[in-house]
């Protein structure tokens, strides 16, 4: 097994409650290495972390392992069906929907600072 995939599997299985549901797929192309991670939907929060900090840390460590092996390593985390980003969930909690602004509105806001 490749060092990057082996490392990721070890870390993810240590973080989740359902380690048997962890699936990794590693592909290599001209852009480098892409590892696609699928976990049990109940474990998504543990992998993403608050404000994505856990996922960012894992990606940083994978890049370091990739540099050591002269490869560009990227991580894609598969989002489960019915995940928090899906339209159905946003409708269920409209108070959490993001407010979208035009560039002009954002520039006006910045002028007031």
PDB file of N, CA and C in Angstrom:
ATOM      1  N   UNK A   1       0.854  -1.188   0.000  1.00  0.00           N
ATOM      2  CA  UNK A   1       0.000   0.000   0.000  1.00  0.00           C
ATOM      3  C   UNK A   1       0.893   1.241   0.000  1.00  0.00           C
ATOM      4  N   UNK A   2       0.409   2.277  -0.648  1.00  0.00           N
ATOM      5  CA  UNK A   2       1.161   3.531  -0.716  1.00  0.00           C
ATOM      6  C   UNK A   2       1.153   4.232   0.639  1.00  0.00           C
ATOM      7  N   UNK A   3       2.239   4.946   0.944  1.00  0.00           N
ATOM      8  CA  UNK A   3       2.397   5.597   2.248  1.00  0.00           C
ATOM      9  C   UNK A   3       1.274   6.592   2.519  1.00  0.00           C
ATOM     10  N   UNK A   4       0.863   7.364   1.490  1.00  0.00           N
ATOM     11  CA  UNK A   4      -0.187   8.364   1.708  1.00  0.00           C
ATOM     12  C   UNK A   4      -1.530   7.708   2.031  1.00  0.00           C
ATOM     13  N   UNK A   5      -1.868   6.673   1.306  1.00  0.00           N
ATOM     14  CA  UNK A   5      -3.142   5.975   1.535  1.00  0.00           C
ATOM     15  C   UNK A   5      -3.133   5.255   2.884  1.00  0.00           C
ATOM     16  N   UNK A   6      -1.999   4.642   3.206  1.00  0.00           N
ATOM     17  CA  UNK A   6      -1.861   3.928   4.474  1.00  0.00           C
ATOM     18  C   UNK A   6      -1.992   4.900   5.649  1.00  0.00           C
ATOM     19  N   UNK A   7      -1.345   6.054   5.542  1.00  0.00           N
ATOM     20  CA  UNK A   7      -1.434   7.081   6.587  1.00  0.00           C
ATOM     21  C   UNK A   7      -2.874   7.549   6.765  1.00  0.00           C
ATOM     22  N   UNK A   8      -3.532   7.874   5.642  1.00  0.00           N
ATOM     23  CA  UNK A   8      -4.900   8.384   5.706  1.00  0.00           C
ATOM     24  C   UNK A   8      -5.841   7.355   6.327  1.00  0.00           C
ATOM     25  N   UNK A   9      -5.697   6.114   5.934  1.00  0.00           N
ATOM     26  CA  UNK A   9      -6.557   5.069   6.479  1.00  0.00           C
ATOM     27  C   UNK A   9      -6.375   4.955   7.989  1.00  0.00           C
ATOM     28  N   UNK A  10      -5.132   4.993   8.447  1.00  0.00           N
ATOM     29  CA  UNK A  10      -4.847   4.908   9.885  1.00  0.00           C
ATOM     30  C   UNK A  10      -5.491   6.064  10.649  1.00  0.00           C
ATOM     31  N   UNK A  11      -5.304   7.293  10.154  1.00  0.00           N
ATOM     32  CA  UNK A  11      -5.825   8.479  10.842  1.00  0.00           C
ATOM     33  C   UNK A  11      -7.348   8.478  10.853  1.00  0.00           C
ATOM     34  N   UNK A  12      -7.952   8.237   9.704  1.00  0.00           N
ATOM     35  CA  UNK A  12      -9.412   8.298   9.615  1.00  0.00           C
ATOM     36  C   UNK A  12     -10.058   7.220  10.472  1.00  0.00           C
ATOM     37  N   UNK A  13      -9.536   6.009  10.418  1.00  0.00           N
ATOM     38  CA  UNK A  13     -10.124   4.935  11.218  1.00  0.00           C
ATOM     39  C   UNK A  13      -9.996   5.201  12.711  1.00  0.00           C
ATOM     40  N   UNK A  14      -8.962   5.941  13.112  1.00  0.00           N
ATOM     41  CA  UNK A  14      -8.798   6.299  14.521  1.00  0.00           C
ATOM     42  C   UNK A  14      -9.798   7.371  14.949  1.00  0.00           C
ATOM     43  N   UNK A  15     -10.278   8.186  13.997  1.00  0.00           N
ATOM     44  CA  UNK A  15     -11.181   9.288  14.317  1.00  0.00           C
ATOM     45  C   UNK A  15     -12.655   8.895  14.335  1.00  0.00           C
ATOM     46  N   UNK A  16     -13.046   7.927  13.524  1.00  0.00           N
ATOM     47  CA  UNK A  16     -14.470   7.634  13.324  1.00  0.00           C
ATOM     48  C   UNK A  16     -14.992   6.566  14.284  1.00  0.00           C
ATOM     49  N   UNK A  17     -16.313   6.516  14.404  1.00  0.00           N
ATOM     50  CA  UNK A  17     -16.964   5.491  15.217  1.00  0.00           C
ATOM     51  C   UNK A  17     -17.227   4.217  14.420  1.00  0.00           C
ATOM     52  N   UNK A  18     -17.197   4.324  13.087  1.00  0.00           N
ATOM     53  CA  UNK A  18     -17.497   3.187  12.217  1.00  0.00           C
ATOM     54  C   UNK A  18     -16.324   2.919  11.274  1.00  0.00           C
ATOM     55  N   UNK A  19     -15.190   2.423  11.808  1.00  0.00           N
ATOM     56  CA  UNK A  19     -14.000   2.248  10.970  1.00  0.00           C
ATOM     57  C   UNK A  19     -14.178   1.252   9.823  1.00  0.00           C
ATOM     58  N   UNK A  20     -15.105   0.310   9.972  1.00  0.00           N
ATOM     59  CA  UNK A  20     -15.317  -0.666   8.901  1.00  0.00           C
ATOM     60  C   UNK A  20     -15.985  -0.049   7.677  1.00  0.00           C
ATOM     61  N   UNK A  21     -16.576   1.141   7.834  1.00  0.00           N
ATOM     62  CA  UNK A  21     -17.238   1.820   6.718  1.00  0.00           C
ATOM     63  C   UNK A  21     -16.290   2.751   5.950  1.00  0.00           C
ATOM     64  N   UNK A  22     -15.039   2.856   6.391  1.00  0.00           N
ATOM     65  CA  UNK A  22     -14.075   3.740   5.731  1.00  0.00           C
ATOM     66  C   UNK A  22     -13.626   3.094   4.417  1.00  0.00           C
ATOM     67  N   UNK A  23     -13.765   3.864   3.324  1.00  0.00           N
ATOM     68  CA  UNK A  23     -13.328   3.381   2.016  1.00  0.00           C
ATOM     69  C   UNK A  23     -12.433   4.429   1.374  1.00  0.00           C
ATOM     70  N   UNK A  24     -11.304   3.985   0.845  1.00  0.00           N
ATOM     71  CA  UNK A  24     -10.352   4.869   0.193  1.00  0.00           C
ATOM     72  C   UNK A  24     -10.126   4.407  -1.232  1.00  0.00           C
ATOM     73  N   UNK A  25     -10.108   5.362  -2.147  1.00  0.00           N
ATOM     74  CA  UNK A  25      -9.780   5.055  -3.535  1.00  0.00           C
ATOM     75  C   UNK A  25      -8.661   5.991  -3.964  1.00  0.00           C
ATOM     76  N   UNK A  26      -7.571   5.435  -4.469  1.00  0.00           N
ATOM     77  CA  UNK A  26      -6.398   6.233  -4.852  1.00  0.00           C
ATOM     78  C   UNK A  26      -6.212   6.160  -6.354  1.00  0.00           C
ATOM     79  N   UNK A  27      -6.175   7.332  -6.994  1.00  0.00           N
ATOM     80  CA  UNK A  27      -5.931   7.398  -8.435  1.00  0.00           C
ATOM     81  C   UNK A  27      -4.756   8.337  -8.696  1.00  0.00           C
ATOM     82  N   UNK A  28      -4.032   8.070  -9.747  1.00  0.00           N
ATOM     83  CA  UNK A  28      -2.880   8.889 -10.128  1.00  0.00           C
ATOM     84  C   UNK A  28      -3.075   9.319 -11.580  1.00  0.00           C
ATOM     85  N   UNK A  29      -2.892  10.620 -11.840  1.00  0.00           N
ATOM     86  CA  UNK A  29      -2.927  11.131 -13.211  1.00  0.00           C
ATOM     87  C   UNK A  29      -1.887  12.239 -13.345  1.00  0.00           C
ATOM     88  N   UNK A  30      -1.965  12.998 -14.429  1.00  0.00           N
ATOM     89  CA  UNK A  30      -0.958  14.044 -14.656  1.00  0.00           C
ATOM     90  C   UNK A  30      -1.010  15.152 -13.603  1.00  0.00           C
ATOM     91  N   UNK A  31      -2.124  15.272 -12.888  1.00  0.00           N
ATOM     92  CA  UNK A  31      -2.254  16.288 -11.846  1.00  0.00           C
ATOM     93  C   UNK A  31      -1.663  15.814 -10.513  1.00  0.00           C
ATOM     94  N   UNK A  32      -1.406  14.532 -10.382  1.00  0.00           N
ATOM     95  CA  UNK A  32      -0.863  13.994  -9.142  1.00  0.00           C
ATOM     96  C   UNK A  32      -1.729  12.884  -8.601  1.00  0.00           C
ATOM     97  N   UNK A  33      -1.733  12.750  -7.291  1.00  0.00           N
ATOM     98  CA  UNK A  33      -2.466  11.678  -6.617  1.00  0.00           C
ATOM     99  C   UNK A  33      -3.768  12.258  -6.068  1.00  0.00           C
ATOM    100  N   UNK A  34      -4.861  11.541  -6.286  1.00  0.00           N
ATOM    101  CA  UNK A  34      -6.140  11.923  -5.705  1.00  0.00           C
ATOM    102  C   UNK A  34      -6.632  10.754  -4.874  1.00  0.00           C
ATOM    103  N   UNK A  35      -6.855  11.016  -3.588  1.00  0.00           N
ATOM    104  CA  UNK A  35      -7.416   9.995  -2.714  1.00  0.00           C
ATOM    105  C   UNK A  35      -8.842  10.420  -2.395  1.00  0.00           C
ATOM    106  N   UNK A  36      -9.782   9.544  -2.709  1.00  0.00           N
ATOM    107  CA  UNK A  36     -11.193   9.811  -2.445  1.00  0.00           C
ATOM    108  C   UNK A  36     -11.593   9.024  -1.208  1.00  0.00           C
ATOM    109  N   UNK A  37     -12.141   9.745  -0.229  1.00  0.00           N
ATOM    110  CA  UNK A  37     -12.500   9.149   1.059  1.00  0.00           C
ATOM    111  C   UNK A  37     -14.015   9.093   1.201  1.00  0.00           C
ATOM    112  N   UNK A  38     -14.510   7.932   1.600  1.00  0.00           N
ATOM    113  CA  UNK A  38     -15.924   7.764   1.903  1.00  0.00           C
ATOM    114  C   UNK A  38     -16.020   7.202   3.313  1.00  0.00           C
ATOM    115  N   UNK A  39     -16.845   7.855   4.142  1.00  0.00           N
ATOM    116  CA  UNK A  39     -17.057   7.377   5.511  1.00  0.00           C
ATOM    117  C   UNK A  39     -18.553   7.257   5.772  1.00  0.00           C
ATOM    118  N   UNK A  40     -18.896   6.626   6.861  1.00  0.00           N
ATOM    119  CA  UNK A  40     -20.281   6.531   7.289  1.00  0.00           C
ATOM    120  C   UNK A  40     -20.815   7.951   7.478  1.00  0.00           C
ATOM    121  N   UNK A  41     -22.037   8.244   6.999  1.00  0.00           N
ATOM    122  CA  UNK A  41     -22.587   9.605   7.145  1.00  0.00           C
ATOM    123  C   UNK A  41     -22.559  10.134   8.581  1.00  0.00           C
ATOM    124  N   UNK A  42     -22.704   9.241   9.558  1.00  0.00           N
ATOM    125  CA  UNK A  42     -22.677   9.669  10.965  1.00  0.00           C
ATOM    126  C   UNK A  42     -21.301  10.167  11.383  1.00  0.00           C
ATOM    127  N   UNK A  43     -20.260   9.805  10.629  1.00  0.00           N
ATOM    128  CA  UNK A  43     -18.889  10.188  10.973  1.00  0.00           C
ATOM    129  C   UNK A  43     -18.381  11.412  10.226  1.00  0.00           C
ATOM    130  N   UNK A  44     -19.188  11.997   9.348  1.00  0.00           N
ATOM    131  CA  UNK A  44     -18.728  13.137   8.547  1.00  0.00           C
ATOM    132  C   UNK A  44     -18.237  14.286   9.420  1.00  0.00           C
ATOM    133  N   UNK A  45     -18.953  14.580  10.478  1.00  0.00           N
ATOM    134  CA  UNK A  45     -18.567  15.683  11.356  1.00  0.00           C
ATOM    135  C   UNK A  45     -17.208  15.476  11.996  1.00  0.00           C
ATOM    136  N   UNK A  46     -16.887  14.234  12.311  1.00  0.00           N
ATOM    137  CA  UNK A  46     -15.591  13.942  12.927  1.00  0.00           C
ATOM    138  C   UNK A  46     -14.454  14.152  11.935  1.00  0.00           C
ATOM    139  N   UNK A  47     -14.693  13.870  10.658  1.00  0.00           N
ATOM    140  CA  UNK A  47     -13.667  14.017   9.627  1.00  0.00           C
ATOM    141  C   UNK A  47     -13.519  15.479   9.215  1.00  0.00           C
ATOM    142  N   UNK A  48     -14.629  16.190   9.106  1.00  0.00           N
ATOM    143  CA  UNK A  48     -14.577  17.598   8.689  1.00  0.00           C
ATOM    144  C   UNK A  48     -14.071  18.475   9.842  1.00  0.00           C
ATOM    145  N   UNK A  49     -14.619  18.280  11.036  1.00  0.00           N
ATOM    146  CA  UNK A  49     -14.207  19.076  12.192  1.00  0.00           C
ATOM    147  C   UNK A  49     -14.860  20.446  12.181  1.00  0.00           C
ATOM    148  N   UNK A  50     -14.669  21.181  13.254  1.00  0.00           N
ATOM    149  CA  UNK A  50     -15.237  22.529  13.346  1.00  0.00           C
ATOM    150  C   UNK A  50     -14.616  23.427  12.300  1.00  0.00           C
ATOM    151  N   UNK A  51     -15.463  24.066  11.516  1.00  0.00           N
ATOM    152  CA  UNK A  51     -15.034  24.973  10.440  1.00  0.00           C
ATOM    153  C   UNK A  51     -14.050  24.293   9.490  1.00  0.00           C
ATOM    154  N   UNK A  52     -14.130  22.973   9.389  1.00  0.00           N
ATOM    155  CA  UNK A  52     -13.278  22.236   8.464  1.00  0.00           C
ATOM    156  C   UNK A  52     -11.842  22.061   8.920  1.00  0.00           C
ATOM    157  N   UNK A  53     -11.574  22.347  10.186  1.00  0.00           N
ATOM    158  CA  UNK A  53     -10.186  22.304  10.673  1.00  0.00           C
ATOM    159  C   UNK A  53      -9.559  20.916  10.633  1.00  0.00           C
ATOM    160  N   UNK A  54     -10.325  19.884  10.949  1.00  0.00           N
ATOM    161  CA  UNK A  54      -9.762  18.529  10.917  1.00  0.00           C
ATOM    162  C   UNK A  54      -9.418  18.138   9.489  1.00  0.00           C
ATOM    163  N   UNK A  55     -10.329  18.402   8.560  1.00  0.00           N
ATOM    164  CA  UNK A  55     -10.080  18.079   7.151  1.00  0.00           C
ATOM    165  C   UNK A  55      -8.865  18.850   6.626  1.00  0.00           C
ATOM    166  N   UNK A  56      -8.752  20.126   7.011  1.00  0.00           N
ATOM    167  CA  UNK A  56      -7.596  20.935   6.579  1.00  0.00           C
ATOM    168  C   UNK A  56      -6.292  20.341   7.104  1.00  0.00           C
ATOM    169  N   UNK A  57      -6.300  19.918   8.362  1.00  0.00           N
ATOM    170  CA  UNK A  57      -5.094  19.343   8.959  1.00  0.00           C
ATOM    171  C   UNK A  57      -4.707  18.046   8.255  1.00  0.00           C
ATOM    172  N   UNK A  58      -5.687  17.205   7.967  1.00  0.00           N
ATOM    173  CA  UNK A  58      -5.414  15.944   7.267  1.00  0.00           C
ATOM    174  C   UNK A  58      -4.843  16.235   5.883  1.00  0.00           C
ATOM    175  N   UNK A  59      -5.430  17.204   5.185  1.00  0.00           N
ATOM    176  CA  UNK A  59      -4.941  17.555   3.841  1.00  0.00           C
ATOM    177  C   UNK A  59      -3.506  18.087   3.892  1.00  0.00           C
ATOM    178  N   UNK A  60      -3.206  18.887   4.904  1.00  0.00           N
ATOM    179  CA  UNK A  60      -1.850  19.424   5.054  1.00  0.00           C
ATOM    180  C   UNK A  60      -0.846  18.297   5.267  1.00  0.00           C
ATOM    181  N   UNK A  61      -1.177  17.369   6.148  1.00  0.00           N
ATOM    182  CA  UNK A  61      -0.275  16.242   6.403  1.00  0.00           C
ATOM    183  C   UNK A  61      -0.103  15.374   5.159  1.00  0.00           C
ATOM    184  N   UNK A  62      -1.184  15.180   4.398  1.00  0.00           N
ATOM    185  CA  UNK A  62      -1.071  14.399   3.157  1.00  0.00           C
ATOM    186  C   UNK A  62      -0.156  15.093   2.152  1.00  0.00           C
ATOM    187  N   UNK A  63      -0.238  16.429   2.074  1.00  0.00           N
ATOM    188  CA  UNK A  63       0.643  17.165   1.158  1.00  0.00           C
ATOM    189  C   UNK A  63       2.102  16.999   1.562  1.00  0.00           C
ATOM    190  N   UNK A  64       2.362  17.012   2.860  1.00  0.00           N
ATOM    191  CA  UNK A  64       3.738  16.832   3.350  1.00  0.00           C
ATOM    192  C   UNK A  64       4.246  15.439   2.986  1.00  0.00           C
ATOM    193  N   UNK A  65       3.421  14.431   3.186  1.00  0.00           N
ATOM    194  CA  UNK A  65       3.811  13.067   2.806  1.00  0.00           C
ATOM    195  C   UNK A  65       4.047  13.009   1.299  1.00  0.00           C
ATOM    196  N   UNK A  66       3.198  13.687   0.531  1.00  0.00           N
ATOM    197  CA  UNK A  66       3.370  13.726  -0.921  1.00  0.00           C
ATOM    198  C   UNK A  66       4.675  14.386  -1.320  1.00  0.00           C
ATOM    199  N   UNK A  67       5.014  15.513  -0.684  1.00  0.00           N
ATOM    200  CA  UNK A  67       6.271  16.210  -1.003  1.00  0.00           C
ATOM    201  C   UNK A  67       7.471  15.313  -0.732  1.00  0.00           C
ATOM    202  N   UNK A  68       7.386  14.559   0.346  1.00  0.00           N
ATOM    203  CA  UNK A  68       8.468  13.636   0.700  1.00  0.00           C
ATOM    204  C   UNK A  68       8.671  12.595  -0.410  1.00  0.00           C
ATOM    205  N   UNK A  69       7.568  12.258  -1.100  1.00  0.00           N
ATOM    206  CA  UNK A  69       7.619  11.257  -2.169  1.00  0.00           C
ATOM    207  C   UNK A  69       7.521  11.879  -3.560  1.00  0.00           C
ATOM    208  N   UNK A  70       7.793  13.192  -3.651  1.00  0.00           N
ATOM    209  CA  UNK A  70       7.743  13.915  -4.929  1.00  0.00           C
ATOM    210  C   UNK A  70       6.421  13.740  -5.667  1.00  0.00           C
ATOM    211  N   UNK A  71       5.329  13.837  -4.932  1.00  0.00           N
ATOM    212  CA  UNK A  71       3.999  13.710  -5.533  1.00  0.00           C
ATOM    213  C   UNK A  71       3.079  14.767  -4.944  1.00  0.00           C
ATOM    214  N   UNK A  72       2.137  15.224  -5.748  1.00  0.00           N
ATOM    215  CA  UNK A  72       1.115  16.150  -5.270  1.00  0.00           C
ATOM    216  C   UNK A  72      -0.090  15.321  -4.851  1.00  0.00           C
ATOM    217  N   UNK A  73      -0.428  15.351  -3.573  1.00  0.00           N
ATOM    218  CA  UNK A  73      -1.518  14.525  -3.046  1.00  0.00           C
ATOM    219  C   UNK A  73      -2.696  15.416  -2.665  1.00  0.00           C
ATOM    220  N   UNK A  74      -3.867  15.076  -3.180  1.00  0.00           N
ATOM    221  CA  UNK A  74      -5.094  15.793  -2.856  1.00  0.00           C
ATOM    222  C   UNK A  74      -6.103  14.821  -2.263  1.00  0.00           C
ATOM    223  N   UNK A  75      -6.957  15.347  -1.385  1.00  0.00           N
ATOM    224  CA  UNK A  75      -7.981  14.536  -0.733  1.00  0.00           C
ATOM    225  C   UNK A  75      -9.353  15.055  -1.114  1.00  0.00           C
ATOM    226  N   UNK A  76     -10.210  14.145  -1.562  1.00  0.00           N
ATOM    227  CA  UNK A  76     -11.616  14.469  -1.824  1.00  0.00           C
ATOM    228  C   UNK A  76     -12.431  13.666  -0.828  1.00  0.00           C
ATOM    229  N   UNK A  77     -13.306  14.346  -0.099  1.00  0.00           N
ATOM    230  CA  UNK A  77     -14.174  13.671   0.866  1.00  0.00           C
ATOM    231  C   UNK A  77     -15.560  13.585   0.242  1.00  0.00           C
ATOM    232  N   UNK A  78     -16.016  12.366  -0.014  1.00  0.00           N
ATOM    233  CA  UNK A  78     -17.343  12.183  -0.607  1.00  0.00           C
ATOM    234  C   UNK A  78     -18.412  12.584   0.394  1.00  0.00           C
ATOM    235  N   UNK A  79     -19.327  13.420  -0.058  1.00  0.00           N
ATOM    236  CA  UNK A  79     -20.428  13.841   0.802  1.00  0.00           C
ATOM    237  C   UNK A  79     -21.553  12.829   0.689  1.00  0.00           C
ATOM    238  N   UNK A  80     -22.096  12.374   1.814  1.00  0.00           N
ATOM    239  CA  UNK A  80     -23.168  11.367   1.755  1.00  0.00           C
ATOM    240  C   UNK A  80     -24.456  11.955   1.197  1.00  0.00           C
ATOM    241  N   UNK A  81     -25.302  11.084   0.664  1.00  0.00           N
ATOM    242  CA  UNK A  81     -26.620  11.516   0.197  1.00  0.00           C
ATOM    243  C   UNK A  81     -27.367  12.146   1.367  1.00  0.00           C
ATOM    244  N   UNK A  82     -28.041  13.250   1.105  1.00  0.00           N
ATOM    245  CA  UNK A  82     -28.791  13.922   2.167  1.00  0.00           C
ATOM    246  C   UNK A  82     -27.899  14.634   3.156  1.00  0.00           C
ATOM    247  N   UNK A  83     -26.687  14.987   2.743  1.00  0.00           N
ATOM    248  CA  UNK A  83     -25.757  15.688   3.626  1.00  0.00           C
ATOM    249  C   UNK A  83     -26.221  17.094   3.936  1.00  0.00           C
ATOM    250  N   UNK A  84     -25.497  17.777   4.805  1.00  0.00           N
ATOM    251  CA  UNK A  84     -25.889  19.118   5.261  1.00  0.00           C
ATOM    252  C   UNK A  84     -25.925  20.136   4.131  1.00  0.00           C
ATOM    253  N   UNK A  85     -25.182  19.919   3.055  1.00  0.00           N
ATOM    254  CA  UNK A  85     -25.164  20.878   1.960  1.00  0.00           C
ATOM    255  C   UNK A  85     -26.301  20.683   0.971  1.00  0.00           C
ATOM    256  N   UNK A  86     -27.004  19.545   1.060  1.00  0.00           N
ATOM    257  CA  UNK A  86     -28.050  19.270   0.076  1.00  0.00           C
ATOM    258  C   UNK A  86     -29.209  20.235   0.246  1.00  0.00           C
ATOM    259  N   UNK A  87     -29.950  20.429  -0.823  1.00  0.00           N
ATOM    260  CA  UNK A  87     -31.039  21.408  -0.825  1.00  0.00           C
ATOM    261  C   UNK A  87     -32.086  21.107   0.241  1.00  0.00           C
ATOM    262  N   UNK A  88     -32.435  19.844   0.426  1.00  0.00           N
ATOM    263  CA  UNK A  88     -33.458  19.483   1.400  1.00  0.00           C
ATOM    264  C   UNK A  88     -33.111  19.950   2.791  1.00  0.00           C
ATOM    265  N   UNK A  89     -31.887  19.844   3.192  1.00  0.00           N
ATOM    266  CA  UNK A  89     -31.478  20.255   4.528  1.00  0.00           C
ATOM    267  C   UNK A  89     -31.527  21.765   4.681  1.00  0.00           C
ATOM    268  N   UNK A  90     -31.166  22.485   3.656  1.00  0.00           N
ATOM    269  CA  UNK A  90     -31.196  23.940   3.740  1.00  0.00           C
ATOM    270  C   UNK A  90     -32.635  24.431   3.904  1.00  0.00           C
ATOM    271  N   UNK A  91     -33.581  23.771   3.254  1.00  0.00           N
ATOM    272  CA  UNK A  91     -34.987  24.155   3.381  1.00  0.00           C
ATOM    273  C   UNK A  91     -35.498  23.879   4.788  1.00  0.00           C
ATOM    274  N   UNK A  92     -34.978  22.822   5.407  1.00  0.00           N
ATOM    275  CA  UNK A  92     -35.432  22.451   6.742  1.00  0.00           C
ATOM    276  C   UNK A  92     -34.979  23.470   7.788  1.00  0.00           C
ATOM    277  N   UNK A  93     -33.896  24.187   7.523  1.00  0.00           N
ATOM    278  CA  UNK A  93     -33.379  25.179   8.467  1.00  0.00           C
ATOM    279  C   UNK A  93     -33.075  26.474   7.716  1.00  0.00           C
ATOM    280  N   UNK A  94     -34.109  27.205   7.304  1.00  0.00           N
ATOM    281  CA  UNK A  94     -33.872  28.398   6.482  1.00  0.00           C
ATOM    282  C   UNK A  94     -33.092  29.488   7.195  1.00  0.00           C
ATOM    283  N   UNK A  95     -33.120  29.519   8.536  1.00  0.00           N
ATOM    284  CA  UNK A  95     -32.373  30.546   9.265  1.00  0.00           C
ATOM    285  C   UNK A  95     -30.868  30.353   9.129  1.00  0.00           C
ATOM    286  N   UNK A  96     -30.424  29.189   8.656  1.00  0.00           N
ATOM    287  CA  UNK A  96     -28.997  28.931   8.493  1.00  0.00           C
ATOM    288  C   UNK A  96     -28.531  29.155   7.056  1.00  0.00           C
ATOM    289  N   UNK A  97     -29.454  29.473   6.157  1.00  0.00           N
ATOM    290  CA  UNK A  97     -29.087  29.653   4.753  1.00  0.00           C
ATOM    291  C   UNK A  97     -28.125  30.837   4.620  1.00  0.00           C
ATOM    292  N   UNK A  98     -27.083  30.684   3.807  1.00  0.00           N
ATOM    293  CA  UNK A  98     -26.122  31.773   3.648  1.00  0.00           C
ATOM    294  C   UNK A  98     -26.738  32.955   2.914  1.00  0.00           C
ATOM    295  N   UNK A  99     -26.305  34.141   3.273  1.00  0.00           N
ATOM    296  CA  UNK A  99     -26.760  35.342   2.607  1.00  0.00           C
ATOM    297  C   UNK A  99     -25.790  35.649   1.478  1.00  0.00           C
ATOM    298  N   UNK A 100     -26.317  35.692   0.263  1.00  0.00           N
ATOM    299  CA  UNK A 100     -25.465  35.962  -0.881  1.00  0.00           C
ATOM    300  C   UNK A 100     -25.544  37.435  -1.238  1.00  0.00           C
ATOM    301  N   UNK A 101     -24.398  38.034  -1.529  1.00  0.00           N
ATOM    302  CA  UNK A 101     -24.330  39.441  -1.906  1.00  0.00           C
ATOM    303  C   UNK A 101     -23.669  39.549  -3.261  1.00  0.00           C
ATOM    304  N   UNK A 102     -24.017  40.604  -3.962  1.00  0.00           N
ATOM    305  CA  UNK A 102     -23.317  40.865  -5.207  1.00  0.00           C
ATOM    306  C   UNK A 102     -21.971  41.492  -4.873  1.00  0.00           C
ATOM    307  N   UNK A 103     -21.109  41.528  -5.837  1.00  0.00           N
ATOM    308  CA  UNK A 103     -19.800  42.150  -5.634  1.00  0.00           C
ATOM    309  C   UNK A 103     -19.982  43.621  -5.266  1.00  0.00           C
ATOM    310  N   UNK A 104     -20.926  44.299  -5.918  1.00  0.00           N
ATOM    311  CA  UNK A 104     -21.177  45.714  -5.627  1.00  0.00           C
ATOM    312  C   UNK A 104     -21.624  45.915  -4.183  1.00  0.00           C
ATOM    313  N   UNK A 105     -22.505  45.030  -3.686  1.00  0.00           N
ATOM    314  CA  UNK A 105     -22.966  45.148  -2.303  1.00  0.00           C
ATOM    315  C   UNK A 105     -21.811  44.924  -1.327  1.00  0.00           C
ATOM    316  N   UNK A 106     -20.974  43.956  -1.626  1.00  0.00           N
ATOM    317  CA  UNK A 106     -19.833  43.677  -0.769  1.00  0.00           C
ATOM    318  C   UNK A 106     -18.861  44.869  -0.758  1.00  0.00           C
ATOM    319  N   UNK A 107     -18.651  45.494  -1.911  1.00  0.00           N
ATOM    320  CA  UNK A 107     -17.756  46.650  -1.992  1.00  0.00           C
ATOM    321  C   UNK A 107     -18.331  47.820  -1.187  1.00  0.00           C
ATOM    322  N   UNK A 108     -19.639  48.021  -1.234  1.00  0.00           N
ATOM    323  CA  UNK A 108     -20.286  49.069  -0.440  1.00  0.00           C
ATOM    324  C   UNK A 108     -20.081  48.815   1.042  1.00  0.00           C
ATOM    325  N   UNK A 109     -20.219  47.568   1.460  1.00  0.00           N
ATOM    326  CA  UNK A 109     -19.999  47.222   2.862  1.00  0.00           C
ATOM    327  C   UNK A 109     -18.561  47.538   3.287  1.00  0.00           C
ATOM    328  N   UNK A 110     -17.617  47.262   2.417  1.00  0.00           N
ATOM    329  CA  UNK A 110     -16.212  47.509   2.731  1.00  0.00           C
ATOM    330  C   UNK A 110     -15.906  49.001   2.832  1.00  0.00           C
ATOM    331  N   UNK A 111     -16.609  49.835   2.063  1.00  0.00           N
ATOM    332  CA  UNK A 111     -16.371  51.275   2.110  1.00  0.00           C
ATOM    333  C   UNK A 111     -16.722  51.855   3.466  1.00  0.00           C
ATOM    334  N   UNK A 112     -17.667  51.244   4.137  1.00  0.00           N
ATOM    335  CA  UNK A 112     -18.098  51.739   5.433  1.00  0.00           C
ATOM    336  C   UNK A 112     -17.131  51.400   6.551  1.00  0.00           C
ATOM    337  N   UNK A 113     -16.152  50.568   6.289  1.00  0.00           N
ATOM    338  CA  UNK A 113     -15.205  50.150   7.335  1.00  0.00           C
ATOM    339  C   UNK A 113     -14.108  51.167   7.535  1.00  0.00           C
TER     340      UNK A 113
END
